[in-house]
Amino acid sequence: MDEQVPVLIVGGSLVGLTMSVLLGHHGIPHILIERHSGTAIHPRAAAFHQRTLETFRSVGLQEAVEQAAEREFMQDGAIMSVDTLGGRELAWFYRSVNDGVEHLSPARRIFITQIGLEPVLRARAIELGADLRFSTELAGFEQDEAGVSATIRSRADGTEQHIRTRYMIAADGAHSPVRRALGIAMGGRGDFANCATIYFRADVRPLLRDRNLSVVYVNQPDLLAFFRFSITGDAGFLAVFAACDAEGKRDDQLAQGLSPERAADLVRAALGVDADYPLAIENIQSWTATAATADAFRQGNVFLAGDAAHLMPPTGGFGGNTGVADAHNLAWKLAMVLNGEADPALLDSYEAERRPIAQMTVEQAYRRYVERVDPTLPADDLASNLADTAIELGSVYGAPGTLTEAPEEPSGRPGTRLHHLWIEQDGERLSTLDLAGRGFSLLVGPEGADWIEAARAEGLDVHRIDDAAAAADLGLSGPSALLLRPDGVIGWRTNALPADPQSVLKEARSALRAAEAASA
């Protein structure tokens, strides 16, 4: 082998870069390869949820990401549908995407494209010591019980290197060559629409009529699409899900490649303007709307994350966010195993926790596609509708038959995200989520002093919440205590003080390190 490294990340877009930042945060050396020469040149994912911003917050990036978002879009905009941008308003899904959710998180929902976000992630990954290699592709790999042997190739000069890694992460997109090489199939609804995204320049400010619109669905008999516009109102893109030709049939040009003239006609039809309205087409990308989940998220020492593991239509904006959640779940587990702090069995919990959540999210995105975009699709077997907040913040791990809960009414049980409260700690205003560290953290209330010495003896970070009301809200009244995972998920809790709290903490932490459910 030319090189050895604990982790090799294949794919350097949103999910791969997020994984790199998180591994760097945990001090894990790794190499990331990306076949393209740099970060994204097309906007792609643009809606990012509170949980994703919480992930960025945990590595010191929330402010930088929010500032980058402000440069691209007016924030707190509406999601609605129209017949044309300048015509009738048909429905409002959100008057503001953050209405009613501000109290649930220390972060807000934002709109930022991957063009704006990925350079922020790249810079932070480099700060944390990542070895990022762009214009580099995976030429092949083999694995055994001890790890993966990979061959990587420079796309600039064709030179190859051989890398030995303990674990490999495939964040290599919808057509993941790694997933295909592993023979992992995708199950679900499959492809259901040939689509195209049209990037254009035009002054749409008169048509916006001072409305702050983040996502605008266009519903016409012959056109189903949605708009996003730049902060300056002079550019945007139209994602076309379906269009009809002059004979009223579905237009197969969406899959085969639109001409600039046809693309301009579609944009003008969606805007509701005349054929001579000034407009320039900058780029056209064809793609396929799909709802599918990989049959496995892991094979041996290789893990799938992001679009390599799950594909969903853009309705709801869940795709990129689900990939970030994959990275958030996996990174700390890899770190603990590689640092000798956890049993390798902990890594089995990645698929056990993330695959059911991803599959549920795929179905929710498909339901929203049918409801908001194309009601002609089969609707007799749609999943029951879940609130967006439950999908974004309410994931439940390790509870068979229960995948989400309402974050507005948090249960506080193991397997759920610790809910957000603003608290004062050592004179500093923090979110309860800020108490998560690189390892497990013990949280107790004002009467939890007996736990503190035991926690320190076990090498745990410990936080006593002295605000009695906040502690009670977190279920930390009296002798109660909980162990918080590095990803802000409650791993264990108890309402009683045992005779030997140190041995109980040792047992609870051992169970968490072996990915076993622990509660008392």
Protein backbone atom coordinates (compact mmCIF):
# COMPACT_ATOMS: atom_id res chain seq x y z
CA MET A 1 0.00 0.00 0.00
CA ASP A 2 1.18 3.52 -0.81
CA GLU A 3 -0.76 4.94 2.16
CA GLN A 4 -2.71 3.82 5.18
CA VAL A 5 -5.53 5.80 6.78
CA PRO A 6 -8.33 4.95 9.22
CA VAL A 7 -11.18 6.20 6.97
CA LEU A 8 -11.54 6.80 3.23
CA ILE A 9 -14.51 8.92 2.11
CA VAL A 10 -15.56 8.49 -1.51
CA GLY A 11 -17.44 11.60 -2.64
CA GLY A 12 -16.77 15.21 -1.71
CA SER A 13 -20.11 16.90 -2.10
CA LEU A 14 -22.52 17.85 0.71
CA VAL A 15 -22.57 14.56 2.62
CA GLY A 16 -18.94 13.63 2.06
CA LEU A 17 -17.73 17.05 3.20
CA THR A 18 -20.04 16.95 6.23
CA MET A 19 -18.61 13.54 7.13
CA SER A 20 -15.10 14.95 6.74
CA VAL A 21 -15.86 17.87 9.06
CA LEU A 22 -17.38 15.57 11.68
CA LEU A 23 -14.51 13.08 11.56
CA GLY A 24 -12.08 15.98 11.83
CA HIS A 25 -14.02 17.28 14.83
CA HIS A 26 -13.48 13.89 16.47
CA GLY A 27 -9.78 13.85 15.55
CA ILE A 28 -9.98 10.95 13.09
CA PRO A 29 -7.42 11.10 10.22
CA HIS A 30 -9.02 10.44 6.85
CA ILE A 31 -8.76 10.96 3.13
CA LEU A 32 -11.63 12.27 1.02
CA ILE A 33 -11.62 11.81 -2.75
CA GLU A 34 -13.90 13.61 -5.20
CA ARG A 35 -13.89 13.05 -8.94
CA HIS A 36 -14.81 16.65 -9.74
CA SER A 37 -12.23 19.43 -9.58
CA GLY A 38 -13.97 21.37 -6.83
CA THR A 39 -17.17 21.92 -4.91
CA ALA A 40 -20.64 22.21 -6.47
CA ILE A 41 -21.16 24.38 -9.54
CA HIS A 42 -24.95 23.82 -9.64
CA PRO A 43 -27.25 24.84 -6.75
CA ARG A 44 -28.94 21.47 -6.05
CA ALA A 45 -30.11 21.13 -2.42
CA ALA A 46 -31.15 24.48 -1.00
CA ALA A 47 -33.50 23.87 1.95
CA PHE A 48 -31.77 22.97 5.20
CA HIS A 49 -33.64 22.03 8.33
CA GLN A 50 -33.07 22.88 11.97
CA ARG A 51 -31.48 19.52 12.79
CA THR A 52 -28.93 20.03 10.02
CA LEU A 53 -28.03 23.47 11.36
CA GLU A 54 -27.72 21.91 14.83
CA THR A 55 -25.17 19.51 13.34
CA PHE A 56 -23.22 22.41 11.88
CA ARG A 57 -23.54 24.24 15.21
CA SER A 58 -21.89 21.29 16.98
CA VAL A 59 -18.69 21.86 14.96
CA GLY A 60 -18.73 25.65 15.19
CA LEU A 61 -20.21 26.32 11.76
CA GLN A 62 -23.73 27.61 12.38
CA GLU A 63 -22.85 31.29 12.10
CA ALA A 64 -20.71 30.86 8.99
CA VAL A 65 -23.41 28.82 7.26
CA GLU A 66 -26.12 31.34 8.15
CA GLN A 67 -24.00 34.20 6.84
CA ALA A 68 -23.42 32.34 3.57
CA ALA A 69 -27.17 31.71 3.32
CA GLU A 70 -27.94 35.40 3.77
CA ARG A 71 -25.75 36.16 0.77
CA GLU A 72 -27.79 33.87 -1.47
CA PHE A 73 -31.45 34.11 -0.46
CA MET A 74 -33.96 36.14 1.46
CA GLN A 75 -34.53 33.92 4.49
CA ASP A 76 -37.81 33.06 6.24
CA GLY A 77 -39.67 32.96 2.95
CA ALA A 78 -42.93 31.28 2.01
CA ILE A 79 -43.59 27.95 0.31
CA MET A 80 -46.66 28.17 -1.91
CA SER A 81 -48.18 27.18 -5.24
CA VAL A 82 -49.42 29.26 -8.17
CA ASP A 83 -50.72 28.80 -11.67
CA THR A 84 -48.00 31.25 -12.77
CA LEU A 85 -45.69 33.47 -10.75
CA GLY A 86 -47.53 36.55 -11.93
CA GLY A 87 -50.95 34.90 -11.77
CA ARG A 88 -53.22 33.19 -9.23
CA GLU A 89 -52.05 31.99 -5.83
CA LEU A 90 -53.37 28.46 -5.34
CA ALA A 91 -52.14 27.38 -1.88
CA TRP A 92 -49.78 28.41 0.90
CA PHE A 93 -47.88 25.60 2.60
CA TYR A 94 -45.85 27.99 4.81
CA ARG A 95 -46.19 31.75 5.08
CA SER A 96 -42.69 31.63 6.56
CA VAL A 97 -40.69 28.44 6.86
CA ASN A 98 -39.77 29.29 10.46
CA ASP A 99 -43.22 30.21 11.73
CA GLY A 100 -43.98 28.23 14.86
CA VAL A 101 -40.67 26.34 15.04
CA GLU A 102 -38.28 28.94 16.44
CA HIS A 103 -38.61 27.61 20.00
CA LEU A 104 -37.72 24.04 19.00
CA SER A 105 -34.06 24.63 18.23
CA PRO A 106 -31.15 27.02 18.67
CA ALA A 107 -31.06 27.12 14.86
CA ARG A 108 -33.56 28.03 12.17
CA ARG A 109 -34.46 26.56 8.82
CA ILE A 110 -32.45 28.23 6.08
CA PHE A 111 -32.12 28.29 2.31
CA ILE A 112 -28.61 27.98 0.91
CA THR A 113 -27.45 26.21 -2.22
CA GLN A 114 -24.65 23.68 -2.29
CA ILE A 115 -22.67 26.29 -4.22
CA GLY A 116 -22.79 28.48 -1.12
CA LEU A 117 -22.56 25.76 1.54
CA GLU A 118 -19.89 23.37 0.29
CA PRO A 119 -17.00 25.89 0.35
CA VAL A 120 -17.81 26.59 4.02
CA LEU A 121 -17.66 22.87 4.80
CA ARG A 122 -14.49 22.41 2.74
CA ALA A 123 -12.69 25.22 4.58
CA ARG A 124 -13.69 23.83 7.99
CA ALA A 125 -12.63 20.30 7.02
CA ILE A 126 -9.20 21.60 6.03
CA GLU A 127 -8.94 23.54 9.33
CA LEU A 128 -9.59 20.25 11.14
CA GLY A 129 -6.82 18.44 9.26
CA ALA A 130 -8.72 16.68 6.47
CA ASP A 131 -6.82 15.38 3.44
CA LEU A 132 -9.14 16.41 0.58
CA ARG A 133 -8.25 15.22 -2.90
CA PHE A 134 -10.34 16.61 -5.71
CA SER A 135 -10.07 15.46 -9.35
CA THR A 136 -9.50 11.99 -7.88
CA GLU A 137 -11.68 8.94 -8.46
CA LEU A 138 -12.02 5.47 -7.01
CA ALA A 139 -10.61 3.01 -9.55
CA GLY A 140 -11.45 -0.12 -7.55
CA PHE A 141 -11.51 -1.69 -4.12
CA GLU A 142 -11.48 -5.00 -2.30
CA GLN A 143 -12.26 -5.68 1.32
CA ASP A 144 -11.49 -8.31 3.91
CA GLU A 145 -12.31 -8.68 7.58
CA ALA A 146 -9.62 -6.21 8.59
CA GLY A 147 -10.40 -3.38 6.19
CA VAL A 148 -10.49 -2.15 2.59
CA SER A 149 -7.80 -1.93 -0.06
CA ALA A 150 -8.64 0.83 -2.52
CA THR A 151 -7.04 2.10 -5.70
CA ILE A 152 -7.52 5.79 -6.41
CA ARG A 153 -6.70 7.56 -9.67
CA SER A 154 -5.90 11.17 -10.47
CA ARG A 155 -8.14 12.47 -13.23
CA ALA A 156 -5.50 15.06 -14.06
CA ASP A 157 -2.63 12.73 -14.99
CA GLY A 158 -3.99 9.18 -14.55
CA THR A 159 -1.54 8.21 -11.79
CA GLU A 160 -2.80 5.63 -9.33
CA GLN A 161 -2.23 5.08 -5.63
CA HIS A 162 -3.11 2.16 -3.40
CA ILE A 163 -4.67 2.96 -0.03
CA ARG A 164 -5.35 0.67 2.87
CA THR A 165 -8.16 1.85 5.12
CA ARG A 166 -10.04 0.38 8.05
CA TYR A 167 -13.39 1.75 6.90
CA MET A 168 -14.68 3.27 3.66
CA ILE A 169 -17.70 5.56 3.37
CA ALA A 170 -19.54 5.78 0.06
CA ALA A 171 -20.99 9.28 -0.28
CA ASP A 172 -20.74 9.03 -4.05
CA GLY A 173 -24.25 10.00 -5.03
CA ALA A 174 -27.40 8.65 -6.61
CA HIS A 175 -25.61 6.40 -9.09
CA SER A 176 -23.08 5.26 -6.46
CA PRO A 177 -20.46 3.06 -8.16
CA VAL A 178 -19.52 1.74 -4.71
CA ARG A 179 -23.08 0.62 -3.98
CA ARG A 180 -23.26 -1.07 -7.36
CA ALA A 181 -19.93 -2.79 -6.87
CA LEU A 182 -21.20 -4.15 -3.57
CA GLY A 183 -24.33 -5.45 -5.29
CA ILE A 184 -26.68 -3.60 -2.92
CA ALA A 185 -30.07 -3.09 -4.55
CA MET A 186 -32.45 -0.16 -4.14
CA GLY A 187 -36.03 -0.88 -3.09
CA GLY A 188 -39.09 1.35 -3.12
CA ARG A 189 -41.17 3.09 -5.73
CA GLY A 190 -38.34 3.55 -8.21
CA ASP A 191 -38.34 6.20 -10.92
CA PHE A 192 -41.62 8.01 -11.54
CA ALA A 193 -40.80 11.22 -13.42
CA ASN A 194 -38.26 12.45 -15.96
CA CYS A 195 -37.34 15.95 -14.89
CA ALA A 196 -35.15 18.89 -15.85
CA THR A 197 -33.77 21.87 -13.97
CA ILE A 198 -33.47 25.04 -16.03
CA TYR A 199 -31.10 27.76 -14.78
CA PHE A 200 -31.98 31.17 -16.19
CA ARG A 201 -31.51 34.91 -15.88
CA ALA A 202 -34.50 37.25 -15.96
CA ASP A 203 -35.78 40.17 -13.92
CA VAL A 204 -38.64 38.60 -11.96
CA ARG A 205 -38.98 41.36 -9.35
CA PRO A 206 -42.19 42.81 -10.84
CA LEU A 207 -43.74 39.32 -10.74
CA LEU A 208 -42.68 38.66 -7.15
CA ARG A 209 -44.73 41.72 -6.07
CA ASP A 210 -42.70 42.18 -2.85
CA ARG A 211 -43.53 38.63 -1.74
CA ASN A 212 -40.74 36.77 0.04
CA LEU A 213 -41.06 33.39 -1.67
CA SER A 214 -38.59 30.62 -0.96
CA VAL A 215 -40.22 27.85 -3.01
CA VAL A 216 -42.94 28.42 -5.59
CA TYR A 217 -44.75 25.39 -7.02
CA VAL A 218 -46.26 25.90 -10.48
CA ASN A 219 -49.35 23.82 -11.17
CA GLN A 220 -50.74 23.98 -14.70
CA PRO A 221 -52.51 21.31 -16.76
CA ASP A 222 -49.48 21.14 -19.04
CA LEU A 223 -46.70 22.04 -16.59
CA LEU A 224 -45.70 20.89 -13.10
CA ALA A 225 -42.62 22.56 -11.66
CA PHE A 226 -41.17 24.75 -8.93
CA PHE A 227 -39.14 27.96 -8.83
CA ARG A 228 -36.37 29.30 -6.64
CA PHE A 229 -35.01 32.81 -7.14
CA SER A 230 -31.78 34.56 -6.23
CA ILE A 231 -31.72 37.24 -3.55
CA THR A 232 -31.38 39.89 -6.26
CA GLY A 233 -34.48 38.72 -8.13
CA ASP A 234 -32.70 38.61 -11.47
CA ALA A 235 -31.93 34.89 -11.71
CA GLY A 236 -33.24 31.53 -10.60
CA PHE A 237 -34.05 28.03 -11.62
CA LEU A 238 -37.18 26.17 -12.63
CA ALA A 239 -37.25 22.47 -11.74
CA VAL A 240 -39.69 20.88 -14.18
CA PHE A 241 -41.32 17.63 -13.04
CA ALA A 242 -43.59 17.21 -16.04
CA ALA A 243 -44.54 19.11 -19.17
CA CYS A 244 -46.78 18.36 -22.12
CA ASP A 245 -46.01 18.82 -25.79
CA ALA A 246 -48.23 20.50 -28.37
CA GLU A 247 -50.38 17.36 -28.57
CA GLY A 248 -50.97 17.24 -24.81
CA LYS A 249 -48.66 14.26 -24.21
CA ARG A 250 -45.92 14.08 -21.59
CA ASP A 251 -42.81 15.65 -23.11
CA ASP A 252 -39.99 13.09 -23.34
CA GLN A 253 -37.51 15.89 -24.06
CA LEU A 254 -37.14 16.31 -20.30
CA ALA A 255 -35.22 13.06 -20.19
CA GLN A 256 -33.52 13.36 -23.58
CA GLY A 257 -32.38 16.96 -23.16
CA LEU A 258 -34.30 20.19 -23.65
CA SER A 259 -33.29 22.66 -26.28
CA PRO A 260 -32.64 26.21 -24.99
CA GLU A 261 -35.67 27.40 -26.95
CA ARG A 262 -37.98 24.82 -25.36
CA ALA A 263 -36.53 25.57 -21.92
CA ALA A 264 -37.18 29.29 -22.39
CA ASP A 265 -40.78 28.55 -23.39
CA LEU A 266 -41.30 26.55 -20.20
CA VAL A 267 -39.82 29.27 -17.98
CA ARG A 268 -41.98 31.95 -19.59
CA ALA A 269 -45.07 29.75 -19.22
CA ALA A 270 -44.32 29.29 -15.52
CA LEU A 271 -43.66 32.99 -15.04
CA GLY A 272 -46.86 33.88 -16.90
CA VAL A 273 -45.20 36.30 -19.33
CA ASP A 274 -45.25 36.90 -23.07
CA ALA A 275 -42.95 35.20 -25.55
CA ASP A 276 -40.81 38.35 -25.89
CA TYR A 277 -40.08 38.66 -22.15
CA PRO A 278 -36.27 39.10 -21.78
CA LEU A 279 -34.77 35.84 -20.56
CA ALA A 280 -31.49 33.97 -20.94
CA ILE A 281 -30.99 30.23 -20.39
CA GLU A 282 -27.71 29.49 -18.63
CA ASN A 283 -27.79 25.73 -18.07
CA ILE A 284 -30.12 22.72 -18.30
CA GLN A 285 -29.79 19.52 -16.30
CA SER A 286 -31.91 16.40 -16.80
CA TRP A 287 -32.59 14.13 -13.83
CA THR A 288 -35.03 11.50 -12.61
CA ALA A 289 -37.43 11.75 -9.67
CA THR A 290 -37.02 8.60 -7.58
CA ALA A 291 -38.19 7.25 -4.24
CA ALA A 292 -35.95 4.39 -3.13
CA THR A 293 -33.86 3.14 -0.20
CA ALA A 294 -30.84 0.86 -0.31
CA ASP A 295 -31.48 -2.67 0.95
CA ALA A 296 -28.45 -2.29 3.22
CA PHE A 297 -26.45 0.68 4.49
CA ARG A 298 -23.40 -1.41 5.27
CA GLN A 299 -21.52 -4.31 3.81
CA GLY A 300 -18.48 -5.37 5.78
CA ASN A 301 -16.25 -2.35 6.28
CA VAL A 302 -18.03 -0.15 3.73
CA PHE A 303 -20.89 2.19 4.66
CA LEU A 304 -23.37 4.02 2.41
CA ALA A 305 -24.49 7.57 3.21
CA GLY A 306 -26.57 10.26 1.53
CA ASP A 307 -27.90 9.67 -1.99
CA ALA A 308 -25.86 6.47 -2.20
CA ALA A 309 -28.20 5.10 0.49
CA HIS A 310 -31.52 6.79 -0.27
CA LEU A 311 -33.15 8.77 -3.07
CA MET A 312 -36.22 10.97 -2.80
CA PRO A 313 -37.98 13.72 -4.73
CA PRO A 314 -37.19 17.30 -3.64
CA THR A 315 -40.65 17.94 -2.16
CA GLY A 316 -40.08 18.70 1.51
CA GLY A 317 -36.37 19.32 1.03
CA PHE A 318 -35.52 16.13 2.92
CA GLY A 319 -32.80 14.61 0.71
CA GLY A 320 -29.67 16.53 1.67
CA ASN A 321 -30.79 16.83 5.27
CA THR A 322 -31.21 13.07 5.56
CA GLY A 323 -27.68 12.61 4.26
CA VAL A 324 -26.28 15.04 6.83
CA ALA A 325 -28.13 13.07 9.52
CA ASP A 326 -26.44 9.89 8.24
CA ALA A 327 -23.03 11.51 8.69
CA HIS A 328 -23.94 12.84 12.14
CA ASN A 329 -24.98 9.35 13.26
CA LEU A 330 -21.96 7.51 11.85
CA ALA A 331 -19.03 9.82 12.54
CA TRP A 332 -18.96 9.58 16.34
CA LYS A 333 -19.42 5.81 16.23
CA LEU A 334 -16.46 5.42 13.88
CA ALA A 335 -14.43 7.68 16.16
CA MET A 336 -15.18 5.64 19.27
CA VAL A 337 -14.40 2.35 17.55
CA LEU A 338 -11.19 3.62 15.96
CA ASN A 339 -10.05 5.13 19.26
CA GLY A 340 -10.63 1.83 21.04
CA GLU A 341 -13.40 3.30 23.17
CA ALA A 342 -16.24 1.13 21.83
CA ASP A 343 -16.90 -2.35 20.58
CA PRO A 344 -16.98 -2.59 16.75
CA ALA A 345 -20.56 -3.85 17.22
CA LEU A 346 -21.47 -0.20 17.78
CA LEU A 347 -21.17 0.28 14.02
CA ASP A 348 -24.03 -2.16 13.44
CA SER A 349 -26.32 0.44 14.97
CA TYR A 350 -25.74 2.80 12.02
CA GLU A 351 -27.94 0.79 9.68
CA ALA A 352 -30.32 -0.22 12.48
CA GLU A 353 -30.93 3.43 13.35
CA ARG A 354 -30.64 5.24 10.04
CA ARG A 355 -32.19 2.91 7.47
CA PRO A 356 -35.74 2.85 8.95
CA ILE A 357 -35.66 6.65 9.35
CA ALA A 358 -34.43 7.13 5.79
CA GLN A 359 -37.05 4.78 4.39
CA MET A 360 -39.77 6.65 6.27
CA THR A 361 -38.46 9.98 4.99
CA VAL A 362 -38.41 8.74 1.40
CA GLU A 363 -42.09 7.84 1.69
CA GLN A 364 -42.94 11.22 3.22
CA ALA A 365 -41.17 13.01 0.35
CA TYR A 366 -43.09 10.88 -2.14
CA ARG A 367 -46.40 11.67 -0.41
CA ARG A 368 -45.65 15.40 -0.68
CA TYR A 369 -44.78 14.96 -4.35
CA VAL A 370 -48.18 13.39 -5.03
CA GLU A 371 -50.01 16.04 -2.99
CA ARG A 372 -48.13 19.11 -4.20
CA VAL A 373 -47.03 18.19 -7.70
CA ASP A 374 -48.66 15.25 -9.46
CA PRO A 375 -51.94 13.83 -8.11
CA THR A 376 -52.14 11.47 -11.10
CA LEU A 377 -49.59 9.17 -9.42
CA PRO A 378 -50.88 6.18 -7.41
CA ALA A 379 -52.13 7.45 -4.06
CA ASP A 380 -53.93 4.47 -2.54
CA ASP A 381 -50.87 3.30 -0.57
CA LEU A 382 -49.39 6.58 0.60
CA ALA A 383 -47.79 6.65 4.04
CA SER A 384 -49.75 8.47 6.72
CA ASN A 385 -48.86 12.13 6.72
CA LEU A 386 -46.31 13.19 9.34
CA ALA A 387 -45.65 16.74 10.45
CA ASP A 388 -42.49 18.25 9.03
CA THR A 389 -41.19 18.90 12.54
CA ALA A 390 -41.53 15.22 13.46
CA ILE A 391 -39.48 14.24 10.41
CA GLU A 392 -36.87 16.94 10.96
CA LEU A 393 -36.43 16.80 14.75
CA GLY A 394 -38.41 13.85 16.07
CA SER A 395 -36.50 10.75 14.98
CA VAL A 396 -36.73 7.87 17.47
CA TYR A 397 -33.93 5.29 17.50
CA GLY A 398 -34.22 1.81 18.96
CA ALA A 399 -37.98 1.70 19.57
CA PRO A 400 -39.57 -0.94 17.31
CA GLY A 401 -42.69 0.37 15.60
CA THR A 402 -42.00 4.00 16.54
CA LEU A 403 -39.89 6.09 14.18
CA THR A 404 -40.86 9.64 15.16
CA GLU A 405 -42.42 11.70 17.89
CA ALA A 406 -43.64 15.28 17.99
CA PRO A 407 -40.73 17.50 19.08
CA GLU A 408 -43.32 19.95 20.42
CA GLU A 409 -44.08 17.31 23.07
CA PRO A 410 -40.76 15.54 23.66
CA SER A 411 -40.83 12.31 25.63
CA GLY A 412 -37.22 12.50 26.77
CA ARG A 413 -36.84 8.73 26.37
CA PRO A 414 -33.64 7.06 25.22
CA GLY A 415 -33.28 7.14 21.45
CA THR A 416 -34.71 10.66 21.04
CA ARG A 417 -32.94 13.96 20.51
CA LEU A 418 -32.47 15.97 23.69
CA HIS A 419 -34.91 18.82 23.28
CA HIS A 420 -33.67 22.38 23.13
CA LEU A 421 -33.90 24.81 26.02
CA TRP A 422 -31.90 27.97 26.56
CA ILE A 423 -29.99 27.71 29.84
CA GLU A 424 -27.31 29.62 31.74
CA GLN A 425 -24.13 27.62 32.40
CA ASP A 426 -21.12 29.30 34.02
CA GLY A 427 -22.46 32.69 33.01
CA GLU A 428 -22.92 31.68 29.37
CA ARG A 429 -26.19 31.31 27.49
CA LEU A 430 -26.27 27.85 25.92
CA SER A 431 -28.67 25.46 24.30
CA THR A 432 -29.08 22.16 26.08
CA LEU A 433 -27.86 20.63 22.81
CA ASP A 434 -24.52 22.40 23.31
CA LEU A 435 -23.89 20.07 26.26
CA ALA A 436 -23.17 17.16 23.90
CA GLY A 437 -19.43 16.53 23.66
CA ARG A 438 -17.09 14.26 21.75
CA GLY A 439 -17.87 11.45 24.19
CA PHE A 440 -20.84 10.61 26.40
CA SER A 441 -21.97 13.38 28.76
CA LEU A 442 -23.89 13.02 32.01
CA LEU A 443 -26.66 15.54 32.70
CA VAL A 444 -28.16 15.99 36.15
CA GLY A 445 -30.39 18.52 37.88
CA PRO A 446 -29.87 20.63 41.02
CA GLU A 447 -30.22 17.55 43.25
CA GLY A 448 -27.89 15.35 41.23
CA ALA A 449 -24.67 16.07 43.12
CA ASP A 450 -24.25 12.41 44.09
CA TRP A 451 -23.87 11.51 40.41
CA ILE A 452 -21.09 13.99 39.74
CA GLU A 453 -18.23 12.28 41.55
CA ALA A 454 -19.18 8.94 39.99
CA ALA A 455 -19.31 10.48 36.52
CA ARG A 456 -15.89 12.06 36.88
CA ALA A 457 -14.46 8.79 38.13
CA GLU A 458 -15.73 7.23 34.92
CA GLY A 459 -14.12 9.97 32.82
CA LEU A 460 -17.45 11.42 31.72
CA ASP A 461 -18.17 15.05 31.01
CA VAL A 462 -20.82 16.10 33.51
CA HIS A 463 -23.20 19.03 33.46
CA ARG A 464 -25.41 20.02 36.37
CA ILE A 465 -28.37 22.14 35.32
CA ASP A 466 -29.07 24.35 38.33
CA ASP A 467 -32.21 25.96 36.89
CA ALA A 468 -34.86 23.81 38.57
CA ALA A 469 -37.51 24.60 35.97
CA ALA A 470 -35.23 23.73 33.05
CA ALA A 471 -34.07 20.56 34.82
CA ALA A 472 -37.66 19.48 35.43
CA ASP A 473 -38.49 20.16 31.77
CA LEU A 474 -35.66 17.77 30.84
CA GLY A 475 -36.86 15.12 33.29
CA LEU A 476 -33.98 15.76 35.68
CA SER A 477 -35.84 16.39 38.92
CA GLY A 478 -34.52 14.85 42.13
CA PRO A 479 -31.83 12.18 41.62
CA SER A 480 -32.60 11.70 37.90
CA ALA A 481 -29.75 11.58 35.39
CA LEU A 482 -29.23 10.93 31.69
CA LEU A 483 -26.36 10.08 29.38
CA LEU A 484 -26.16 12.14 26.21
CA ARG A 485 -24.56 10.72 23.05
CA PRO A 486 -22.16 12.88 21.01
CA ASP A 487 -24.94 13.45 18.44
CA GLY A 488 -27.28 14.96 21.04
CA VAL A 489 -29.42 11.82 21.34
CA ILE A 490 -30.36 10.55 24.80
CA GLY A 491 -28.66 7.19 25.28
CA TRP A 492 -29.71 6.28 28.82
CA ARG A 493 -31.57 7.73 31.76
CA THR A 494 -32.65 6.86 35.27
CA ASN A 495 -34.97 8.40 37.85
CA ALA A 496 -33.32 6.82 40.88
CA LEU A 497 -29.95 7.02 42.62
CA PRO A 498 -28.50 3.51 43.05
CA ALA A 499 -26.32 2.45 45.96
CA ASP A 500 -23.29 2.38 43.63
CA PRO A 501 -23.81 5.05 40.93
CA GLN A 502 -20.34 4.54 39.44
CA SER A 503 -20.98 0.88 38.64
CA VAL A 504 -24.34 1.80 37.12
CA LEU A 505 -22.69 4.44 34.90
CA LYS A 506 -20.00 1.95 33.90
CA GLU A 507 -22.66 -0.57 32.90
CA ALA A 508 -24.73 2.04 31.03
CA ARG A 509 -21.73 3.36 29.13
CA SER A 510 -20.60 -0.15 28.24
CA ALA A 511 -24.05 -0.90 26.88
CA LEU A 512 -24.03 2.25 24.76
CA ARG A 513 -20.58 1.43 23.44
CA ALA A 514 -21.89 -1.96 22.34
CA ALA A 515 -24.99 -0.35 20.77
CA GLU A 516 -27.40 -1.91 23.23
CA ALA A 517 -30.44 -0.02 24.48
CA ALA A 518 -29.97 1.14 28.05
CA SER A 519 -32.59 2.57 30.40
CA ALA A 520 -33.46 2.34 34.04
